[in-house]
Amino acid sequence: MSKPVVAIVGRPNVGKSTLFNALAGERISIVKDTPGVTRDRIYADVTWLKHEFTMIDTGGIEPESKDIIISQMREQAQIAIDTADVIIFMTDVRQGLVDADAKVADMLRRSKKPVVLVVNKVDSFEKYMADVYEFYNLGIGDPIPISSSSMLGLGDMLDQVIAHFPEDAGADEDQDIPKIAIVGKPNVGKSSLVNRLVGENRVIVSNVAGTTRDAVDTKVKFHGKEYIFIDTAGLRRKSKIKEELERFSIIRAVAAVEKADVVIVMIDATEGVTEQDAKIAGIAHERGKGIIIAVNKWDAIEKDDKTIYKHKEKIRQTLSFMPYAQIMFISVLTGQRLPKIYETIDAVIENNSMRVATGVLNEIVTEAVAMQQPPSDKGKRLKIYYVTQVAVKPPTFVIFVNDKELMHFSYTRYLENRIRDAFGFEGTSLKFIIRERKDD
């Protein structure tokens, strides 16, 4: 079941980031030093009254002139419209209603997407309520007064947001069909891949980076089995600013990854693996999805007997946080190895949903512990009592130990490698939860 996506849209300095940080709490300060995990605070997981959703901050606009503000606001609103299930449109009671607000409200109204209009910086309801009423003129519903810095009115706002979530989120008719998100930088061949797999030109393809605007879901049948491909090209290159372009492609990727069972990270063989590829792959890794790395344009590379080895080595180095990912070398142009994509998707889905019996799992762990002693500190040694699998997608294991502090990251990684040696789990991350259980 995919989590709903909520996007925050608004002019500069209306308090989007303050609201984002207030709702996201500690989750946004990523302390893990994992290469490729984005630190731009673009998205976070939020829970409100048992509802979980992914929140996206579309902020980051700092233009010089009014015209640029309006055009970039529209760009930002379009991204929210394309990717979000619900849009929080933020305005500022102290700046009042301005032209840019009205223009964006017009777009949002026509999109038919649910919009929650919030008026920020209302630190005193008595003082500012008369000014809040002015925002009824936008014609997109009742303005909700909040103060993101003082945490006022956030509950009322979130009640409105979750009221727009479908009751049966994730229970659509296609829920049993595997969903595959194709993510990557602009112009890497994502739309062309979908077109080759579908056998018709469903998605606009051109050499202009970011031709596709909407994230497009396409149903494909192969050997009697159905798949849904989510193409996330989703960028119009109006902005010349590289950071903005990267930010927008990451926003698209987050929304698509959320819906998917398997994520195909497309890399351009002629460019090699880049830092932005690592950021996008990091999103899928964090969310525990099945992952395939498809190196496209392989036909354009001059090869010798070491070429594949060298490329794999470079990818493994840059994406060292996900050594389990499946790597494929393809050419969308010539069709090279494309049928094998389905075989790989099926294998990754199976591994992402695999369950291991507790007895067998503990045999493997006992053997691993015998081969490499657990760490100790000040004379106290780590004891592992038993391990059990508690979930799939991704496979999640609880390890019961005598002292959590003694369970070093490196030893968890060692046990993970032994479990992978025994059961495979290619193409999927594994999650480990360490629990303490005192000696009887």
Protein backbone atom coordinates (compact mmCIF):
# COMPACT_ATOMS: atom_id res chain seq x y z
CA MET A 1 0.00 0.00 0.00
CA SER A 2 1.54 3.30 -1.03
CA LYS A 3 1.48 6.27 1.28
CA PRO A 4 -0.34 9.42 0.13
CA VAL A 5 1.94 12.29 -0.96
CA VAL A 6 1.32 15.81 0.39
CA ALA A 7 3.15 18.78 -1.18
CA ILE A 8 3.65 22.24 0.34
CA VAL A 9 3.49 25.09 -2.20
CA GLY A 10 3.89 28.82 -1.58
CA ARG A 11 5.89 31.99 -2.22
CA PRO A 12 9.37 32.54 -0.72
CA ASN A 13 9.44 33.40 2.97
CA VAL A 14 5.85 32.42 3.78
CA GLY A 15 7.17 29.75 6.17
CA LYS A 16 7.09 26.52 4.12
CA SER A 17 10.33 25.16 5.54
CA THR A 18 9.32 26.05 9.10
CA LEU A 19 6.08 24.11 8.67
CA PHE A 20 7.93 21.23 7.00
CA ASN A 21 10.44 21.01 9.86
CA ALA A 22 7.73 21.30 12.51
CA LEU A 23 5.77 18.40 11.02
CA ALA A 24 8.77 16.26 10.13
CA GLY A 25 10.32 16.56 13.59
CA GLU A 26 13.71 14.87 13.94
CA ARG A 27 13.35 12.67 10.88
CA ILE A 28 14.72 15.27 8.49
CA SER A 29 18.10 15.66 10.12
CA ILE A 30 19.60 12.54 8.56
CA VAL A 31 22.52 11.63 10.79
CA LYS A 32 23.61 8.53 8.85
CA ASP A 33 26.65 9.29 6.79
CA THR A 34 25.40 7.20 3.92
CA PRO A 35 26.60 8.30 0.49
CA GLY A 36 23.69 9.18 -1.74
CA VAL A 37 21.17 9.85 1.01
CA THR A 38 19.84 13.26 0.16
CA ARG A 39 20.33 15.98 2.75
CA ASP A 40 18.31 18.67 1.01
CA ARG A 41 15.33 18.20 3.34
CA ILE A 42 12.98 17.74 0.42
CA TYR A 43 10.80 14.96 1.81
CA ALA A 44 9.92 13.36 5.14
CA ASP A 45 7.53 10.77 6.54
CA VAL A 46 4.78 12.18 8.76
CA THR A 47 2.19 10.42 10.92
CA TRP A 48 -1.04 12.07 12.10
CA LEU A 49 -3.85 10.15 13.86
CA LYS A 50 -2.64 6.77 12.52
CA HIS A 51 -2.40 8.15 8.98
CA GLU A 52 1.06 8.01 7.42
CA PHE A 53 2.00 10.18 4.47
CA THR A 54 5.06 11.47 2.64
CA MET A 55 5.45 15.22 2.77
CA ILE A 56 7.31 17.10 0.05
CA ASP A 57 8.65 20.63 0.39
CA THR A 58 8.66 22.19 -3.07
CA GLY A 59 10.47 25.29 -1.75
CA GLY A 60 13.85 26.65 -2.68
CA ILE A 61 12.76 29.57 -4.88
CA GLU A 62 14.90 32.67 -4.43
CA PRO A 63 14.47 34.62 -7.67
CA GLU A 64 15.25 38.29 -8.24
CA SER A 65 12.18 39.64 -9.97
CA LYS A 66 8.42 39.40 -9.60
CA ASP A 67 7.96 37.82 -13.03
CA ILE A 68 10.40 35.04 -12.15
CA ILE A 69 8.60 34.46 -8.85
CA ILE A 70 5.31 33.96 -10.67
CA SER A 71 6.77 31.65 -13.34
CA GLN A 72 8.68 29.57 -10.80
CA MET A 73 5.63 29.46 -8.52
CA ARG A 74 3.71 28.01 -11.44
CA GLU A 75 6.47 25.47 -12.05
CA GLN A 76 6.39 24.55 -8.39
CA ALA A 77 2.59 24.28 -8.38
CA GLN A 78 2.72 22.10 -11.49
CA ILE A 79 5.10 19.70 -9.76
CA ALA A 80 2.76 19.52 -6.77
CA ILE A 81 -0.22 18.94 -9.08
CA ASP A 82 1.59 16.16 -10.95
CA THR A 83 2.94 14.31 -7.93
CA ALA A 84 0.82 15.01 -4.85
CA ASP A 85 -2.45 13.54 -3.63
CA VAL A 86 -3.14 16.64 -1.50
CA ILE A 87 -1.60 20.13 -1.82
CA ILE A 88 -1.02 22.50 1.11
CA PHE A 89 -1.07 26.01 -0.38
CA MET A 90 0.63 28.37 2.06
CA THR A 91 0.11 32.14 2.18
CA ASP A 92 1.30 34.84 4.60
CA VAL A 93 -1.16 36.94 6.62
CA ARG A 94 1.39 39.73 7.09
CA GLN A 95 2.20 40.14 3.40
CA GLY A 96 -1.50 39.79 2.56
CA LEU A 97 -2.96 38.51 -0.69
CA VAL A 98 -0.63 39.13 -3.66
CA ASP A 99 -0.77 38.60 -7.43
CA ALA A 100 1.39 35.44 -7.38
CA ASP A 101 -0.98 33.80 -4.87
CA ALA A 102 -3.97 34.44 -7.13
CA LYS A 103 -2.22 33.06 -10.23
CA VAL A 104 -1.17 29.86 -8.48
CA ALA A 105 -4.60 29.45 -6.86
CA ASP A 106 -6.08 29.56 -10.37
CA MET A 107 -3.83 26.68 -11.50
CA LEU A 108 -4.57 24.65 -8.39
CA ARG A 109 -8.31 25.17 -8.76
CA ARG A 110 -8.25 23.94 -12.37
CA SER A 111 -6.19 20.88 -11.44
CA LYS A 112 -9.13 19.38 -9.48
CA LYS A 113 -6.60 18.16 -6.86
CA PRO A 114 -7.60 18.62 -3.20
CA VAL A 115 -6.08 21.85 -1.87
CA VAL A 116 -5.81 22.89 1.79
CA LEU A 117 -5.35 26.68 1.96
CA VAL A 118 -3.37 27.80 5.00
CA VAL A 119 -2.62 31.34 6.11
CA ASN A 120 0.62 31.37 8.08
CA LYS A 121 2.11 33.70 10.73
CA VAL A 122 -1.23 34.07 12.55
CA ASP A 123 0.41 34.26 15.99
CA SER A 124 -2.71 35.83 17.50
CA PHE A 125 -6.16 34.82 16.27
CA GLU A 126 -7.74 37.95 17.80
CA LYS A 127 -5.30 40.28 16.07
CA TYR A 128 -5.21 38.68 12.60
CA MET A 129 -8.54 36.91 11.95
CA ALA A 130 -10.01 39.85 9.99
CA ASP A 131 -6.97 39.68 7.65
CA VAL A 132 -7.37 35.91 7.23
CA TYR A 133 -10.85 36.40 5.71
CA GLU A 134 -9.26 38.26 2.76
CA PHE A 135 -7.94 34.89 1.50
CA TYR A 136 -11.49 33.68 0.77
CA ASN A 137 -11.03 35.75 -2.42
CA LEU A 138 -8.75 33.01 -3.81
CA GLY A 139 -11.82 30.83 -4.25
CA ILE A 140 -10.18 27.56 -3.19
CA GLY A 141 -11.95 26.90 0.09
CA ASP A 142 -11.78 28.05 3.70
CA PRO A 143 -8.44 29.53 4.76
CA ILE A 144 -7.03 27.81 7.86
CA PRO A 145 -5.08 30.17 10.15
CA ILE A 146 -1.82 28.69 11.48
CA SER A 147 1.51 29.72 12.91
CA SER A 148 4.18 27.21 11.93
CA SER A 149 6.78 28.82 14.20
CA SER A 150 4.47 28.79 17.26
CA MET A 151 2.89 25.43 16.27
CA LEU A 152 -0.62 26.95 16.37
CA GLY A 153 -3.49 25.51 14.29
CA LEU A 154 -1.42 22.62 12.89
CA GLY A 155 -3.89 20.00 14.17
CA ASP A 156 -6.82 21.63 12.36
CA MET A 157 -4.73 21.83 9.19
CA LEU A 158 -3.68 18.15 9.37
CA ASP A 159 -7.29 17.09 10.01
CA GLN A 160 -8.19 18.81 6.73
CA VAL A 161 -5.26 17.17 4.91
CA ILE A 162 -6.10 13.61 5.98
CA ALA A 163 -9.80 14.17 5.25
CA HIS A 164 -8.79 14.23 1.56
CA PHE A 165 -7.00 10.85 1.68
CA PRO A 166 -8.93 8.06 -0.03
CA GLU A 167 -10.35 5.68 2.59
CA ASP A 168 -9.03 2.68 0.73
CA ALA A 169 -5.63 4.19 -0.13
CA GLY A 170 -3.64 1.49 -1.86
CA ALA A 171 -6.64 -0.83 -2.36
CA ASP A 172 -7.14 -0.04 -6.02
CA GLU A 173 -8.00 -2.66 -8.61
CA ASP A 174 -4.36 -2.82 -9.71
CA GLN A 175 -2.94 -3.53 -6.26
CA ASP A 176 -1.83 -7.05 -7.19
CA ILE A 177 -0.01 -5.91 -10.34
CA PRO A 178 3.69 -5.20 -9.72
CA LYS A 179 4.47 -1.48 -9.96
CA ILE A 180 7.86 -0.48 -11.32
CA ALA A 181 9.12 3.11 -11.05
CA ILE A 182 11.72 4.21 -13.58
CA VAL A 183 13.83 6.96 -12.03
CA GLY A 184 17.00 8.78 -13.01
CA LYS A 185 18.32 12.08 -14.28
CA PRO A 186 16.60 13.88 -17.17
CA ASN A 187 17.38 12.57 -20.67
CA VAL A 188 18.76 9.22 -19.54
CA GLY A 189 16.16 7.29 -21.58
CA LYS A 190 13.36 6.65 -19.07
CA SER A 191 10.50 7.48 -21.48
CA SER A 192 12.19 5.61 -24.33
CA LEU A 193 12.43 2.51 -22.12
CA VAL A 194 8.69 2.63 -21.36
CA ASN A 195 7.94 3.07 -25.06
CA ARG A 196 10.10 0.06 -26.02
CA LEU A 197 8.47 -2.11 -23.37
CA VAL A 198 4.94 -1.00 -24.37
CA GLY A 199 5.66 -1.18 -28.08
CA GLU A 200 4.05 2.18 -28.87
CA ASN A 201 4.88 5.82 -28.30
CA ARG A 202 2.94 6.47 -25.11
CA VAL A 203 5.37 9.00 -23.67
CA ILE A 204 6.84 12.03 -25.47
CA VAL A 205 10.52 11.45 -26.21
CA SER A 206 12.96 14.09 -27.39
CA ASN A 207 16.55 15.17 -26.76
CA VAL A 208 15.44 18.06 -24.59
CA ALA A 209 16.08 17.14 -20.97
CA GLY A 210 12.78 16.93 -19.16
CA THR A 211 10.29 16.77 -22.01
CA THR A 212 7.81 14.65 -20.07
CA ARG A 213 5.83 16.64 -17.57
CA ASP A 214 3.43 14.23 -15.91
CA ALA A 215 4.44 11.06 -14.15
CA VAL A 216 2.85 8.50 -16.46
CA ASP A 217 1.54 5.07 -15.40
CA THR A 218 1.59 2.53 -18.24
CA LYS A 219 0.25 -1.02 -18.07
CA VAL A 220 2.28 -3.62 -19.98
CA LYS A 221 1.62 -7.33 -20.57
CA PHE A 222 4.56 -9.70 -21.05
CA HIS A 223 4.14 -13.49 -21.39
CA GLY A 224 0.61 -13.20 -19.99
CA LYS A 225 1.68 -11.27 -16.88
CA GLU A 226 0.81 -7.61 -16.23
CA TYR A 227 3.16 -4.88 -14.97
CA ILE A 228 2.60 -1.15 -14.33
CA PHE A 229 5.52 1.12 -15.24
CA ILE A 230 5.70 4.57 -13.64
CA ASP A 231 7.79 6.95 -15.76
CA THR A 232 9.02 9.88 -13.68
CA ALA A 233 10.74 12.06 -16.28
CA GLY A 234 8.49 14.85 -15.10
CA LEU A 235 10.59 17.96 -15.71
CA ARG A 236 10.20 21.01 -17.86
CA ARG A 237 13.51 22.74 -18.09
CA LYS A 238 12.40 26.34 -17.66
CA SER A 239 14.78 26.91 -14.81
CA LYS A 240 18.43 27.21 -15.75
CA ILE A 241 19.41 26.62 -12.15
CA LYS A 242 21.02 23.20 -11.79
CA GLU A 243 20.08 22.85 -8.11
CA GLU A 244 16.43 23.57 -8.86
CA LEU A 245 16.41 21.00 -11.67
CA GLU A 246 17.98 18.40 -9.39
CA ARG A 247 15.57 19.26 -6.60
CA PHE A 248 12.55 18.86 -8.88
CA SER A 249 13.73 15.51 -10.25
CA ILE A 250 14.23 14.28 -6.68
CA ILE A 251 10.69 15.39 -5.75
CA ARG A 252 9.36 13.42 -8.71
CA ALA A 253 11.42 10.40 -7.74
CA VAL A 254 10.14 10.42 -4.14
CA ALA A 255 6.51 10.37 -5.26
CA ALA A 256 7.10 7.58 -7.79
CA VAL A 257 9.23 5.45 -5.46
CA GLU A 258 6.47 5.67 -2.84
CA LYS A 259 4.02 3.95 -5.23
CA ALA A 260 6.42 1.30 -6.53
CA ASP A 261 7.36 -2.26 -5.59
CA VAL A 262 10.55 -2.18 -7.66
CA VAL A 263 12.62 0.84 -8.68
CA ILE A 264 14.71 0.84 -11.86
CA VAL A 265 17.46 3.45 -11.46
CA MET A 266 18.57 4.39 -14.98
CA ILE A 267 22.15 5.51 -15.49
CA ASP A 268 23.69 6.89 -18.69
CA ALA A 269 26.62 4.64 -19.66
CA THR A 270 28.26 7.49 -21.57
CA GLU A 271 28.30 9.72 -18.43
CA GLY A 272 28.89 7.04 -15.82
CA VAL A 273 27.30 7.05 -12.36
CA THR A 274 26.95 10.56 -10.86
CA GLU A 275 26.24 12.09 -7.47
CA GLN A 276 22.65 12.79 -8.50
CA ASP A 277 22.20 9.12 -9.47
CA ALA A 278 23.38 8.28 -5.95
CA LYS A 279 20.83 10.70 -4.42
CA ILE A 280 17.96 9.21 -6.40
CA ALA A 281 19.08 5.62 -5.66
CA GLY A 282 19.38 6.58 -1.98
CA ILE A 283 15.64 7.41 -1.86
CA ALA A 284 14.69 3.92 -3.06
CA HIS A 285 17.21 2.35 -0.65
CA GLU A 286 15.86 4.30 2.34
CA ARG A 287 12.33 3.17 1.54
CA GLY A 288 13.31 -0.49 1.33
CA LYS A 289 12.26 -1.03 -2.29
CA GLY A 290 13.53 -3.67 -4.69
CA ILE A 291 16.24 -2.04 -6.82
CA ILE A 292 17.59 -2.65 -10.33
CA ILE A 293 20.31 -0.42 -11.78
CA ALA A 294 19.87 -0.24 -15.56
CA VAL A 295 22.90 1.18 -17.36
CA ASN A 296 21.46 2.53 -20.63
CA LYS A 297 23.17 3.49 -23.92
CA TRP A 298 25.50 0.49 -23.58
CA ASP A 299 25.66 0.33 -27.39
CA ALA A 300 27.46 3.72 -27.40
CA ILE A 301 30.40 2.46 -25.34
CA GLU A 302 33.63 1.15 -26.86
CA LYS A 303 34.26 -2.19 -25.20
CA ASP A 304 37.04 -4.60 -24.42
CA ASP A 305 37.07 -7.67 -22.14
CA LYS A 306 37.33 -5.48 -18.99
CA THR A 307 34.67 -2.81 -19.80
CA ILE A 308 31.74 -4.36 -17.90
CA TYR A 309 33.97 -5.13 -14.91
CA LYS A 310 35.24 -1.51 -14.76
CA HIS A 311 31.72 -0.04 -15.03
CA LYS A 312 30.38 -2.38 -12.34
CA GLU A 313 33.27 -1.49 -10.05
CA LYS A 314 32.60 2.26 -10.42
CA ILE A 315 28.85 1.79 -9.78
CA ARG A 316 29.51 -0.36 -6.71
CA GLN A 317 31.92 2.28 -5.35
CA THR A 318 29.53 5.22 -5.83
CA LEU A 319 26.49 3.25 -4.64
CA SER A 320 28.39 1.43 -1.90
CA PHE A 321 25.41 1.75 0.47
CA MET A 322 23.40 -0.69 -1.69
CA PRO A 323 25.71 -3.56 -2.72
CA TYR A 324 22.67 -5.82 -3.15
CA ALA A 325 21.25 -3.87 -6.14
CA GLN A 326 21.00 -5.82 -9.41
CA ILE A 327 23.02 -4.24 -12.27
CA MET A 328 21.98 -4.61 -15.93
CA PHE A 329 23.61 -3.20 -19.05
CA ILE A 330 20.97 -2.33 -21.66
CA SER A 331 20.37 -0.32 -24.79
CA VAL A 332 16.89 1.10 -25.25
CA LEU A 333 17.89 2.16 -28.78
CA THR A 334 18.81 -1.35 -29.98
CA GLY A 335 16.61 -3.32 -27.56
CA GLN A 336 19.67 -5.08 -26.11
CA ARG A 337 18.75 -7.19 -23.00
CA LEU A 338 15.32 -5.51 -22.59
CA PRO A 339 13.37 -8.81 -22.29
CA LYS A 340 15.66 -9.74 -19.39
CA ILE A 341 14.25 -6.74 -17.46
CA TYR A 342 11.03 -8.66 -16.76
CA GLU A 343 12.92 -11.70 -15.49
CA THR A 344 14.98 -9.47 -13.18
CA ILE A 345 11.86 -7.59 -11.93
CA ASP A 346 10.16 -10.91 -11.07
CA ALA A 347 13.24 -12.14 -9.18
CA VAL A 348 13.60 -8.87 -7.22
CA ILE A 349 9.88 -8.84 -6.26
CA GLU A 350 10.18 -12.43 -5.04
CA ASN A 351 13.24 -11.55 -2.92
CA ASN A 352 11.61 -8.40 -1.52
CA SER A 353 8.66 -10.57 -0.34
CA MET A 354 10.68 -13.61 0.81
CA ARG A 355 10.07 -15.09 4.28
CA VAL A 356 12.62 -17.25 6.07
CA ALA A 357 11.60 -19.78 8.75
CA THR A 358 12.85 -18.83 12.23
CA GLY A 359 14.54 -22.22 12.80
CA VAL A 360 16.59 -22.07 9.60
CA LEU A 361 17.44 -18.39 10.21
CA ASN A 362 18.80 -19.14 13.69
CA GLU A 363 20.92 -22.03 12.38
CA ILE A 364 22.61 -19.62 9.96
CA VAL A 365 23.13 -16.98 12.69
CA THR A 366 24.48 -19.53 15.21
CA GLU A 367 26.98 -20.72 12.60
CA ALA A 368 27.97 -17.10 11.81
CA VAL A 369 28.52 -16.34 15.52
CA ALA A 370 30.69 -19.47 15.88
CA MET A 371 32.84 -18.34 12.93
CA GLN A 372 33.26 -14.74 14.14
CA GLN A 373 32.99 -13.87 17.82
CA PRO A 374 30.55 -11.04 18.65
CA PRO A 375 32.20 -7.80 19.86
CA SER A 376 32.84 -7.10 23.56
CA ASP A 377 33.44 -3.95 25.58
CA LYS A 378 35.05 -3.70 29.05
CA GLY A 379 34.84 -7.44 29.54
CA LYS A 380 31.17 -7.71 28.54
CA ARG A 381 30.49 -9.69 25.37
CA LEU A 382 27.49 -9.34 23.05
CA LYS A 383 25.14 -12.33 23.25
CA ILE A 384 22.69 -13.04 20.44
CA TYR A 385 19.70 -14.99 21.77
CA TYR A 386 17.71 -15.45 18.59
CA VAL A 387 16.61 -13.81 15.34
CA THR A 388 13.17 -13.77 13.74
CA GLN A 389 11.72 -12.24 10.57
CA VAL A 390 8.79 -9.91 11.31
CA ALA A 391 7.94 -8.34 7.93
CA VAL A 392 8.49 -8.32 4.16
CA LYS A 393 8.85 -5.48 1.61
CA PRO A 394 11.62 -5.09 2.73
CA PRO A 395 12.44 -8.28 4.65
CA THR A 396 12.76 -7.12 8.27
CA PHE A 397 14.48 -9.04 11.06
CA VAL A 398 14.50 -8.54 14.84
CA ILE A 399 17.70 -9.60 16.62
CA PHE A 400 17.33 -10.19 20.38
CA VAL A 401 20.57 -9.42 22.27
CA ASN A 402 21.77 -8.88 25.86
CA ASP A 403 22.99 -5.30 25.24
CA LYS A 404 22.10 -3.07 22.28
CA GLU A 405 25.18 -0.89 22.80
CA LEU A 406 27.45 -3.84 21.99
CA MET A 407 25.78 -4.50 18.64
CA HIS A 408 28.14 -2.57 16.39
CA PHE A 409 27.05 -1.61 12.87
CA SER A 410 29.90 -3.71 11.45
CA TYR A 411 28.66 -6.87 13.20
CA THR A 412 25.09 -6.29 11.99
CA ARG A 413 26.55 -5.95 8.46
CA TYR A 414 28.49 -9.21 8.98
CA LEU A 415 25.28 -11.07 9.97
CA GLU A 416 23.45 -9.49 7.02
CA ASN A 417 26.13 -10.80 4.65
CA ARG A 418 25.84 -14.33 6.09
CA ILE A 419 22.04 -14.23 5.73
CA ARG A 420 22.44 -13.03 2.13
CA ASP A 421 24.95 -15.81 1.42
CA ALA A 422 22.40 -18.34 2.62
CA PHE A 423 19.17 -16.99 1.13
CA GLY A 424 20.16 -14.64 -1.70
CA PHE A 425 17.90 -11.60 -1.27
CA GLU A 426 19.43 -10.06 -4.44
CA GLY A 427 17.93 -6.72 -5.38
CA THR A 428 16.38 -5.89 -1.99
CA SER A 429 17.60 -4.16 1.14
CA LEU A 430 17.24 -5.91 4.50
CA LYS A 431 16.17 -4.12 7.67
CA PHE A 432 17.43 -5.09 11.13
CA ILE A 433 15.88 -4.08 14.45
CA ILE A 434 17.97 -4.72 17.56
CA ARG A 435 16.02 -5.51 20.77
CA GLU A 436 17.36 -6.09 24.27
CA ARG A 437 16.30 -9.08 26.31
CA LYS A 438 17.82 -9.47 29.77
CA ASP A 439 19.28 -12.79 30.96
CA ASP A 440 16.74 -14.79 32.97
